[in-house]
Structure formats: C-alpha cells, structure tokens
Amino acid sequence: MRLSTLTVAATLVAGAAFANPVSPGDVVFTEDGAVEASLSGAAGNPEEGAKIMGSKQLGNCVACHQISALADVPFQGDVGPMLDGVADRWNQAELRGILSNAKMTYEGTVMPAYYKVDGFTRPGNAYTGKAAEGPLDPLLSARQIEDVVAFLMTLKDE
C-alpha cells in the first residue's frame, strides 16, 4: 500500500513538473525558427484557439488574416496570408515558432511576437510619457499559444 501511494505521488509530481509552462525567455528555436517542444506542457484546445484568434482582446489574428472557418468573425484582414490550409503548409513546431516570435522565421515580418517579453523598443516616453516600465507580459500565455496551434492544425485543405 505504501509503495503504491508513493508511486501515485511521484507520478503526480512528475506530471505537475511536465505541465509547467516554458517561460518566454527560455523558448528554444531551431535555426529555421520552429519551436519543437510544447510551451505549456499540454496539448492545446482547438475550440479555445479559434476563440483566441477571433477575439480583439486576445490574439486578434483575423485583423490581418482571413480564415474561412471563422466566417462569423467580421472584418477579416488581408495583410497576412490566408490561413485556410495552413496545416498543410507548416507543421506544428513551425506554427508554434511563428506564433511565439515570427521574426525568428521571417525577419522582416510585421506579425507580432505573441510569446516574447524583452528586446522591445519603448518609444512611448518620447511621445506620450506613458511607456510601460518593468518587465512586459507576453501577448498570449503558453497555454493560449498551444490552443491557437491546435486550432491551426485543424485548418487543412480538403
């Protein structure tokens, strides 16, 4: 009985350690900008990913991209590529890398780095006097990145 209790406890501790998110400063990119390991330690939820992509308060991906699967979200943009069939063009690690920091894959892109917290120029004080002080939070959490990746992996050409 005692051995099984210790085994269950060790399993729970190991699972909790695996579920700890990777901090933005510790993300490991390949030379092509992909991120092979899950940022949250868990699989993403595609339904939540769709909500994040269409929400102006979260990812707001539709401000730049068109996504037929989110046809109910108005005012989709055309600055970035259409995301229909995106899972046929990029794999999960590549999509995770592009979301985390697209500049690691596409140097001149205007796409925001959704999981980056340092290295930004803060011109606000010169213009408004209201530049953020101290460390910044990422635009999306590790879990939200994984949710968006899970949704994007459902977007395949038929």
N, C-alpha and C. Protein backbone atom coordinates (compact mmCIF):
# COMPACT_ATOMS: atom_id res chain seq x y z
N MET A 1 0.83 -1.20 0.00
CA MET A 1 0.00 0.00 0.00
C MET A 1 0.87 1.25 0.00
N ARG A 2 1.88 1.27 0.84
CA ARG A 2 2.75 2.44 0.93
C ARG A 2 3.48 2.67 -0.40
N LEU A 3 3.93 1.60 -1.05
CA LEU A 3 4.63 1.74 -2.31
C LEU A 3 3.72 2.32 -3.39
N SER A 4 2.47 1.88 -3.43
CA SER A 4 1.56 2.42 -4.45
C SER A 4 1.23 3.88 -4.17
N THR A 5 1.14 4.28 -2.91
CA THR A 5 0.91 5.68 -2.55
C THR A 5 2.08 6.54 -3.00
N LEU A 6 3.30 6.04 -2.78
CA LEU A 6 4.49 6.78 -3.21
C LEU A 6 4.56 6.86 -4.74
N THR A 7 4.17 5.79 -5.41
CA THR A 7 4.17 5.78 -6.87
C THR A 7 3.18 6.81 -7.42
N VAL A 8 1.98 6.85 -6.84
CA VAL A 8 0.97 7.82 -7.28
C VAL A 8 1.46 9.25 -7.01
N ALA A 9 2.04 9.48 -5.84
CA ALA A 9 2.55 10.81 -5.50
C ALA A 9 3.66 11.22 -6.47
N ALA A 10 4.58 10.30 -6.79
CA ALA A 10 5.67 10.62 -7.71
C ALA A 10 5.13 10.91 -9.10
N THR A 11 4.12 10.17 -9.52
CA THR A 11 3.51 10.40 -10.82
C THR A 11 2.86 11.78 -10.88
N LEU A 12 2.16 12.17 -9.82
CA LEU A 12 1.53 13.49 -9.78
C LEU A 12 2.56 14.60 -9.81
N VAL A 13 3.66 14.43 -9.07
CA VAL A 13 4.72 15.45 -9.06
C VAL A 13 5.35 15.54 -10.44
N ALA A 14 5.62 14.39 -11.07
CA ALA A 14 6.22 14.41 -12.41
C ALA A 14 5.28 15.06 -13.40
N GLY A 15 3.99 14.78 -13.30
CA GLY A 15 3.01 15.40 -14.20
C GLY A 15 2.93 16.89 -14.00
N ALA A 16 3.00 17.34 -12.75
CA ALA A 16 2.97 18.78 -12.47
C ALA A 16 4.20 19.46 -13.04
N ALA A 17 5.36 18.79 -12.93
CA ALA A 17 6.59 19.38 -13.47
C ALA A 17 6.51 19.48 -14.99
N PHE A 18 5.91 18.47 -15.63
CA PHE A 18 5.77 18.48 -17.08
C PHE A 18 4.83 19.57 -17.54
N ALA A 19 3.82 19.89 -16.72
CA ALA A 19 2.81 20.87 -17.11
C ALA A 19 3.25 22.32 -16.89
N ASN A 20 4.41 22.53 -16.28
CA ASN A 20 4.89 23.90 -16.07
C ASN A 20 5.23 24.52 -17.42
N PRO A 21 4.72 25.71 -17.68
CA PRO A 21 5.00 26.33 -18.98
C PRO A 21 6.46 26.77 -19.11
N VAL A 22 6.91 26.80 -20.34
CA VAL A 22 8.23 27.33 -20.66
C VAL A 22 8.12 28.84 -20.60
N SER A 23 9.02 29.50 -19.91
CA SER A 23 8.96 30.96 -19.85
C SER A 23 9.40 31.53 -21.20
N PRO A 24 8.91 32.72 -21.56
CA PRO A 24 9.25 33.29 -22.86
C PRO A 24 10.75 33.39 -23.13
N GLY A 25 11.53 33.67 -22.12
CA GLY A 25 12.98 33.78 -22.30
C GLY A 25 13.67 32.44 -22.47
N ASP A 26 12.99 31.34 -22.19
CA ASP A 26 13.58 30.01 -22.29
C ASP A 26 13.12 29.21 -23.51
N VAL A 27 12.37 29.84 -24.41
CA VAL A 27 11.90 29.15 -25.61
C VAL A 27 13.10 28.82 -26.49
N VAL A 28 13.15 27.57 -26.95
CA VAL A 28 14.24 27.12 -27.82
C VAL A 28 13.74 27.05 -29.26
N PHE A 29 14.34 27.87 -30.12
CA PHE A 29 14.01 27.90 -31.53
C PHE A 29 15.03 27.10 -32.32
N THR A 30 14.59 26.42 -33.37
CA THR A 30 15.53 25.79 -34.29
C THR A 30 16.12 26.88 -35.17
N GLU A 31 17.08 26.53 -36.02
CA GLU A 31 17.68 27.56 -36.87
C GLU A 31 16.69 28.13 -37.87
N ASP A 32 15.60 27.41 -38.14
CA ASP A 32 14.56 27.90 -39.05
C ASP A 32 13.42 28.60 -38.31
N GLY A 33 13.52 28.71 -36.99
CA GLY A 33 12.51 29.43 -36.22
C GLY A 33 11.41 28.57 -35.64
N ALA A 34 11.47 27.26 -35.80
CA ALA A 34 10.45 26.38 -35.24
C ALA A 34 10.68 26.19 -33.74
N VAL A 35 9.62 25.86 -33.02
CA VAL A 35 9.70 25.53 -31.59
C VAL A 35 9.11 24.14 -31.45
N GLU A 36 9.97 23.16 -31.22
CA GLU A 36 9.54 21.77 -31.23
C GLU A 36 8.79 21.35 -29.98
N ALA A 37 9.14 21.89 -28.82
CA ALA A 37 8.51 21.47 -27.57
C ALA A 37 7.29 22.33 -27.25
N SER A 38 6.28 21.69 -26.71
CA SER A 38 5.08 22.41 -26.26
C SER A 38 5.48 23.47 -25.24
N LEU A 39 4.91 24.64 -25.35
CA LEU A 39 5.22 25.72 -24.39
C LEU A 39 4.50 25.52 -23.06
N SER A 40 3.36 24.85 -23.10
CA SER A 40 2.58 24.67 -21.88
C SER A 40 2.76 23.30 -21.25
N GLY A 41 3.35 22.37 -21.98
CA GLY A 41 3.49 21.01 -21.48
C GLY A 41 2.23 20.19 -21.69
N ALA A 42 1.26 20.72 -22.41
CA ALA A 42 0.00 20.02 -22.63
C ALA A 42 -0.49 20.32 -24.05
N ALA A 43 -1.33 19.43 -24.55
CA ALA A 43 -1.92 19.65 -25.87
C ALA A 43 -2.88 20.83 -25.81
N GLY A 44 -2.98 21.56 -26.88
CA GLY A 44 -3.88 22.70 -26.94
C GLY A 44 -5.31 22.29 -27.24
N ASN A 45 -6.23 23.21 -27.02
CA ASN A 45 -7.65 23.01 -27.25
C ASN A 45 -8.03 23.82 -28.50
N PRO A 46 -8.37 23.15 -29.61
CA PRO A 46 -8.65 23.89 -30.84
C PRO A 46 -9.84 24.84 -30.74
N GLU A 47 -10.85 24.50 -29.93
CA GLU A 47 -12.01 25.40 -29.78
C GLU A 47 -11.58 26.70 -29.10
N GLU A 48 -10.75 26.60 -28.09
CA GLU A 48 -10.23 27.81 -27.43
C GLU A 48 -9.34 28.59 -28.38
N GLY A 49 -8.56 27.88 -29.18
CA GLY A 49 -7.69 28.54 -30.15
C GLY A 49 -8.47 29.37 -31.15
N ALA A 50 -9.62 28.85 -31.59
CA ALA A 50 -10.48 29.60 -32.52
C ALA A 50 -10.98 30.87 -31.86
N LYS A 51 -11.35 30.78 -30.59
CA LYS A 51 -11.83 31.97 -29.86
C LYS A 51 -10.72 33.02 -29.74
N ILE A 52 -9.52 32.56 -29.43
CA ILE A 52 -8.38 33.47 -29.28
C ILE A 52 -8.09 34.19 -30.60
N MET A 53 -8.12 33.44 -31.69
CA MET A 53 -7.80 34.02 -32.99
C MET A 53 -8.81 35.07 -33.43
N GLY A 54 -10.06 34.89 -33.03
CA GLY A 54 -11.11 35.82 -33.44
C GLY A 54 -11.39 36.93 -32.45
N SER A 55 -10.76 36.90 -31.28
CA SER A 55 -11.03 37.88 -30.23
C SER A 55 -10.12 39.10 -30.33
N LYS A 56 -10.71 40.27 -30.35
CA LYS A 56 -9.91 41.50 -30.36
C LYS A 56 -9.14 41.69 -29.07
N GLN A 57 -9.61 41.10 -27.98
CA GLN A 57 -8.94 41.24 -26.69
C GLN A 57 -7.78 40.26 -26.53
N LEU A 58 -7.69 39.27 -27.39
CA LEU A 58 -6.63 38.26 -27.26
C LEU A 58 -5.73 38.30 -28.50
N GLY A 59 -5.76 37.27 -29.32
CA GLY A 59 -4.86 37.19 -30.47
C GLY A 59 -5.19 38.14 -31.58
N ASN A 60 -6.48 38.32 -31.86
CA ASN A 60 -6.95 39.19 -32.94
C ASN A 60 -6.27 38.87 -34.26
N CYS A 61 -6.05 37.58 -34.52
CA CYS A 61 -5.38 37.15 -35.74
C CYS A 61 -6.14 37.56 -37.00
N VAL A 62 -7.47 37.63 -36.88
CA VAL A 62 -8.29 37.97 -38.05
C VAL A 62 -8.13 39.45 -38.45
N ALA A 63 -7.47 40.24 -37.66
CA ALA A 63 -7.21 41.62 -38.08
C ALA A 63 -6.29 41.63 -39.29
N CYS A 64 -5.46 40.60 -39.43
CA CYS A 64 -4.52 40.52 -40.54
C CYS A 64 -4.76 39.34 -41.47
N HIS A 65 -5.37 38.27 -40.96
CA HIS A 65 -5.55 37.04 -41.73
C HIS A 65 -7.01 36.74 -41.99
N GLN A 66 -7.28 36.12 -43.14
CA GLN A 66 -8.61 35.59 -43.42
C GLN A 66 -8.62 34.11 -43.06
N ILE A 67 -9.72 33.68 -42.43
CA ILE A 67 -9.87 32.29 -42.01
C ILE A 67 -11.32 31.91 -42.26
N SER A 68 -11.57 31.09 -43.26
CA SER A 68 -12.94 30.71 -43.61
C SER A 68 -13.66 30.03 -42.46
N ALA A 69 -12.94 29.27 -41.63
CA ALA A 69 -13.55 28.58 -40.50
C ALA A 69 -14.08 29.55 -39.45
N LEU A 70 -13.64 30.79 -39.51
CA LEU A 70 -14.12 31.83 -38.59
C LEU A 70 -14.94 32.87 -39.36
N ALA A 71 -15.73 32.41 -40.32
CA ALA A 71 -16.51 33.30 -41.18
C ALA A 71 -17.46 34.20 -40.40
N ASP A 72 -17.85 33.78 -39.19
CA ASP A 72 -18.75 34.59 -38.37
C ASP A 72 -18.04 35.77 -37.71
N VAL A 73 -16.70 35.81 -37.77
CA VAL A 73 -15.95 36.94 -37.22
C VAL A 73 -15.81 37.98 -38.32
N PRO A 74 -16.36 39.19 -38.11
CA PRO A 74 -16.33 40.21 -39.18
C PRO A 74 -14.97 40.90 -39.32
N PHE A 75 -14.83 41.59 -40.42
CA PHE A 75 -13.69 42.47 -40.70
C PHE A 75 -12.36 41.73 -40.71
N GLN A 76 -12.30 40.61 -41.42
CA GLN A 76 -11.05 39.88 -41.53
C GLN A 76 -10.11 40.62 -42.47
N GLY A 77 -8.84 40.60 -42.13
CA GLY A 77 -7.85 41.37 -42.87
C GLY A 77 -7.21 40.60 -44.00
N ASP A 78 -6.36 41.32 -44.75
CA ASP A 78 -5.63 40.69 -45.84
C ASP A 78 -4.16 41.10 -45.85
N VAL A 79 -3.66 41.52 -44.70
CA VAL A 79 -2.25 41.89 -44.59
C VAL A 79 -1.38 40.64 -44.60
N GLY A 80 -1.80 39.63 -43.83
CA GLY A 80 -1.07 38.37 -43.77
C GLY A 80 -1.68 37.35 -44.70
N PRO A 81 -1.03 36.21 -44.84
CA PRO A 81 -1.57 35.18 -45.74
C PRO A 81 -2.88 34.59 -45.22
N MET A 82 -3.72 34.12 -46.13
CA MET A 82 -4.94 33.41 -45.76
C MET A 82 -4.53 32.15 -45.01
N LEU A 83 -5.24 31.83 -43.94
CA LEU A 83 -4.85 30.69 -43.11
C LEU A 83 -5.59 29.40 -43.44
N ASP A 84 -6.47 29.43 -44.41
CA ASP A 84 -7.08 28.18 -44.86
C ASP A 84 -5.97 27.26 -45.38
N GLY A 85 -5.94 26.02 -44.94
CA GLY A 85 -4.91 25.08 -45.37
C GLY A 85 -3.55 25.28 -44.73
N VAL A 86 -3.47 26.08 -43.69
CA VAL A 86 -2.18 26.38 -43.06
C VAL A 86 -1.49 25.12 -42.52
N ALA A 87 -2.27 24.14 -42.07
CA ALA A 87 -1.68 22.90 -41.53
C ALA A 87 -1.06 22.04 -42.62
N ASP A 88 -1.38 22.33 -43.87
CA ASP A 88 -0.74 21.64 -44.99
C ASP A 88 0.57 22.31 -45.39
N ARG A 89 0.74 23.56 -44.98
CA ARG A 89 1.93 24.32 -45.36
C ARG A 89 3.02 24.32 -44.29
N TRP A 90 2.61 24.29 -43.03
CA TRP A 90 3.56 24.30 -41.92
C TRP A 90 3.20 23.20 -40.93
N ASN A 91 4.20 22.67 -40.24
CA ASN A 91 3.92 21.67 -39.22
C ASN A 91 3.71 22.36 -37.87
N GLN A 92 3.39 21.57 -36.87
CA GLN A 92 3.06 22.10 -35.54
C GLN A 92 4.21 22.92 -34.95
N ALA A 93 5.44 22.42 -35.05
CA ALA A 93 6.59 23.13 -34.49
C ALA A 93 6.81 24.46 -35.21
N GLU A 94 6.64 24.48 -36.52
CA GLU A 94 6.81 25.72 -37.28
C GLU A 94 5.74 26.74 -36.90
N LEU A 95 4.50 26.29 -36.78
CA LEU A 95 3.42 27.21 -36.38
C LEU A 95 3.66 27.75 -34.98
N ARG A 96 4.11 26.90 -34.06
CA ARG A 96 4.40 27.35 -32.69
C ARG A 96 5.50 28.40 -32.71
N GLY A 97 6.51 28.21 -33.54
CA GLY A 97 7.60 29.19 -33.66
C GLY A 97 7.13 30.51 -34.24
N ILE A 98 6.31 30.44 -35.28
CA ILE A 98 5.79 31.66 -35.91
C ILE A 98 4.94 32.45 -34.92
N LEU A 99 4.11 31.76 -34.15
CA LEU A 99 3.29 32.45 -33.14
C LEU A 99 4.15 33.03 -32.03
N SER A 100 5.13 32.29 -31.58
CA SER A 100 5.97 32.75 -30.47
C SER A 100 6.75 34.00 -30.84
N ASN A 101 7.42 33.94 -31.98
CA ASN A 101 8.18 35.10 -32.46
C ASN A 101 8.42 34.91 -33.96
N ALA A 102 7.54 35.43 -34.76
CA ALA A 102 7.59 35.25 -36.22
C ALA A 102 8.89 35.76 -36.83
N LYS A 103 9.56 36.70 -36.18
CA LYS A 103 10.81 37.24 -36.72
C LYS A 103 11.94 36.21 -36.72
N MET A 104 11.78 35.14 -35.95
CA MET A 104 12.77 34.07 -35.97
C MET A 104 12.66 33.27 -37.28
N THR A 105 11.51 33.32 -37.93
CA THR A 105 11.29 32.62 -39.21
C THR A 105 11.33 33.60 -40.38
N TYR A 106 10.67 34.73 -40.21
CA TYR A 106 10.55 35.74 -41.26
C TYR A 106 11.06 37.07 -40.72
N GLU A 107 12.31 37.38 -41.01
CA GLU A 107 12.99 38.53 -40.41
C GLU A 107 12.23 39.85 -40.53
N GLY A 108 11.66 40.16 -41.67
CA GLY A 108 11.03 41.46 -41.87
C GLY A 108 9.54 41.50 -41.62
N THR A 109 8.97 40.47 -41.02
CA THR A 109 7.53 40.41 -40.84
C THR A 109 7.01 41.50 -39.89
N VAL A 110 5.76 41.87 -40.10
CA VAL A 110 5.11 42.81 -39.18
C VAL A 110 4.25 42.06 -38.16
N MET A 111 4.22 40.74 -38.24
CA MET A 111 3.44 39.95 -37.30
C MET A 111 4.01 40.11 -35.89
N PRO A 112 3.13 40.32 -34.90
CA PRO A 112 3.63 40.47 -33.53
C PRO A 112 4.22 39.18 -33.00
N ALA A 113 5.15 39.31 -32.08
CA ALA A 113 5.70 38.17 -31.34
C ALA A 113 4.78 37.94 -30.15
N TYR A 114 3.99 36.89 -30.20
CA TYR A 114 2.98 36.67 -29.17
C TYR A 114 3.55 36.08 -27.88
N TYR A 115 4.79 35.56 -27.92
CA TYR A 115 5.36 34.97 -26.70
C TYR A 115 6.79 35.47 -26.51
N LYS A 116 6.92 36.77 -26.45
CA LYS A 116 8.21 37.43 -26.27
C LYS A 116 8.01 38.53 -25.23
N VAL A 117 9.00 38.75 -24.39
CA VAL A 117 8.84 39.76 -23.33
C VAL A 117 10.00 40.75 -23.25
N ASP A 118 11.02 40.59 -24.06
CA ASP A 118 12.15 41.52 -23.97
C ASP A 118 12.67 41.88 -25.35
N GLY A 119 13.55 42.86 -25.39
CA GLY A 119 14.14 43.28 -26.65
C GLY A 119 13.28 44.26 -27.44
N PHE A 120 12.29 44.85 -26.78
CA PHE A 120 11.42 45.80 -27.46
C PHE A 120 11.96 47.22 -27.32
N THR A 121 11.71 48.06 -28.32
CA THR A 121 11.99 49.48 -28.23
C THR A 121 10.75 50.13 -27.63
N ARG A 122 10.94 50.94 -26.60
CA ARG A 122 9.81 51.59 -25.94
C ARG A 122 9.86 53.10 -26.16
N PRO A 123 9.35 53.54 -27.30
CA PRO A 123 9.43 54.97 -27.61
C PRO A 123 8.37 55.80 -26.90
N GLY A 124 7.49 55.19 -26.15
CA GLY A 124 6.36 55.90 -25.54
C GLY A 124 6.73 57.13 -24.74
N ASN A 125 7.80 57.09 -23.96
CA ASN A 125 8.15 58.25 -23.14
C ASN A 125 8.48 59.47 -23.98
N ALA A 126 9.06 59.28 -25.14
CA ALA A 126 9.39 60.41 -26.00
C ALA A 126 8.14 61.04 -26.61
N TYR A 127 7.06 60.29 -26.70
CA TYR A 127 5.86 60.77 -27.37
C TYR A 127 4.71 61.04 -26.41
N THR A 128 4.50 60.12 -25.47
CA THR A 128 3.35 60.25 -24.57
C THR A 128 3.74 60.35 -23.11
N GLY A 129 4.97 59.95 -22.80
CA GLY A 129 5.38 59.90 -21.40
C GLY A 129 4.77 58.72 -20.66
N LYS A 130 4.20 57.77 -21.40
CA LYS A 130 3.48 56.66 -20.77
C LYS A 130 4.02 55.29 -21.16
N ALA A 131 5.30 55.18 -21.43
CA ALA A 131 5.87 53.87 -21.78
C ALA A 131 5.78 52.94 -20.58
N ALA A 132 5.52 51.69 -20.86
CA ALA A 132 5.44 50.69 -19.78
C ALA A 132 6.79 50.57 -19.10
N GLU A 133 6.78 50.44 -17.81
CA GLU A 133 8.00 50.25 -17.03
C GLU A 133 8.09 48.79 -16.61
N GLY A 134 9.29 48.31 -16.42
CA GLY A 134 9.48 46.96 -15.92
C GLY A 134 9.22 45.90 -16.96
N PRO A 135 9.21 44.65 -16.51
CA PRO A 135 9.02 43.55 -17.46
C PRO A 135 7.61 43.55 -18.07
N LEU A 136 7.54 43.12 -19.31
CA LEU A 136 6.27 43.02 -20.01
C LEU A 136 5.77 41.57 -19.96
N ASP A 137 4.48 41.39 -20.00
CA ASP A 137 3.89 40.07 -20.13
C ASP A 137 3.80 39.73 -21.61
N PRO A 138 3.85 38.44 -21.96
CA PRO A 138 3.64 38.10 -23.37
C PRO A 138 2.21 38.42 -23.78
N LEU A 139 1.99 38.63 -25.07
CA LEU A 139 0.64 38.92 -25.57
C LEU A 139 -0.30 37.74 -25.34
N LEU A 140 0.22 36.51 -25.48
CA LEU A 140 -0.56 35.31 -25.20
C LEU A 140 0.23 34.43 -24.24
N SER A 141 -0.48 33.68 -23.42
CA SER A 141 0.17 32.74 -22.50
C SER A 141 0.63 31.50 -23.26
N ALA A 142 1.45 30.69 -22.61
CA ALA A 142 1.90 29.44 -23.22
C ALA A 142 0.71 28.56 -23.58
N ARG A 143 -0.26 28.50 -22.71
CA ARG A 143 -1.46 27.70 -22.97
C ARG A 143 -2.23 28.23 -24.18
N GLN A 144 -2.35 29.55 -24.28
CA GLN A 144 -3.06 30.15 -25.41
C GLN A 144 -2.32 29.89 -26.72
N ILE A 145 -1.00 29.93 -26.70
CA ILE A 145 -0.23 29.61 -27.90
C ILE A 145 -0.55 28.18 -28.34
N GLU A 146 -0.54 27.25 -27.39
CA GLU A 146 -0.83 25.85 -27.73
C GLU A 146 -2.26 25.69 -28.24
N ASP A 147 -3.20 26.45 -27.68
CA ASP A 147 -4.58 26.40 -28.17
C ASP A 147 -4.67 26.88 -29.61
N VAL A 148 -4.00 27.98 -29.94
CA VAL A 148 -4.02 28.50 -31.30
C VAL A 148 -3.35 27.51 -32.26
N VAL A 149 -2.23 26.93 -31.85
CA VAL A 149 -1.56 25.93 -32.69
C VAL A 149 -2.50 24.75 -32.94
N ALA A 150 -3.21 24.30 -31.91
CA ALA A 150 -4.15 23.18 -32.07
C ALA A 150 -5.24 23.54 -33.08
N PHE A 151 -5.76 24.77 -33.02
CA PHE A 151 -6.77 25.20 -33.99
C PHE A 151 -6.17 25.26 -35.40
N LEU A 152 -5.01 25.87 -35.53
CA LEU A 152 -4.38 25.98 -36.84
C LEU A 152 -4.12 24.60 -37.47
N MET A 153 -3.82 23.61 -36.64
CA MET A 153 -3.57 22.26 -37.16
C MET A 153 -4.85 21.61 -37.70
N THR A 154 -6.01 22.19 -37.41
CA THR A 154 -7.26 21.67 -37.99
C THR A 154 -7.54 22.27 -39.36
N LEU A 155 -6.81 23.30 -39.74
CA LEU A 155 -7.07 24.01 -41.00
C LEU A 155 -6.29 23.37 -42.13
N LYS A 156 -6.88 22.33 -42.71
CA LYS A 156 -6.26 21.60 -43.82
C LYS A 156 -7.11 21.75 -45.07
N ASP A 157 -6.45 21.74 -46.21
CA ASP A 157 -7.19 21.75 -47.48
C ASP A 157 -7.88 20.40 -47.64
N GLU A 158 -9.06 20.43 -48.17
CA GLU A 158 -9.83 19.19 -48.37
C GLU A 158 -9.48 18.59 -49.70
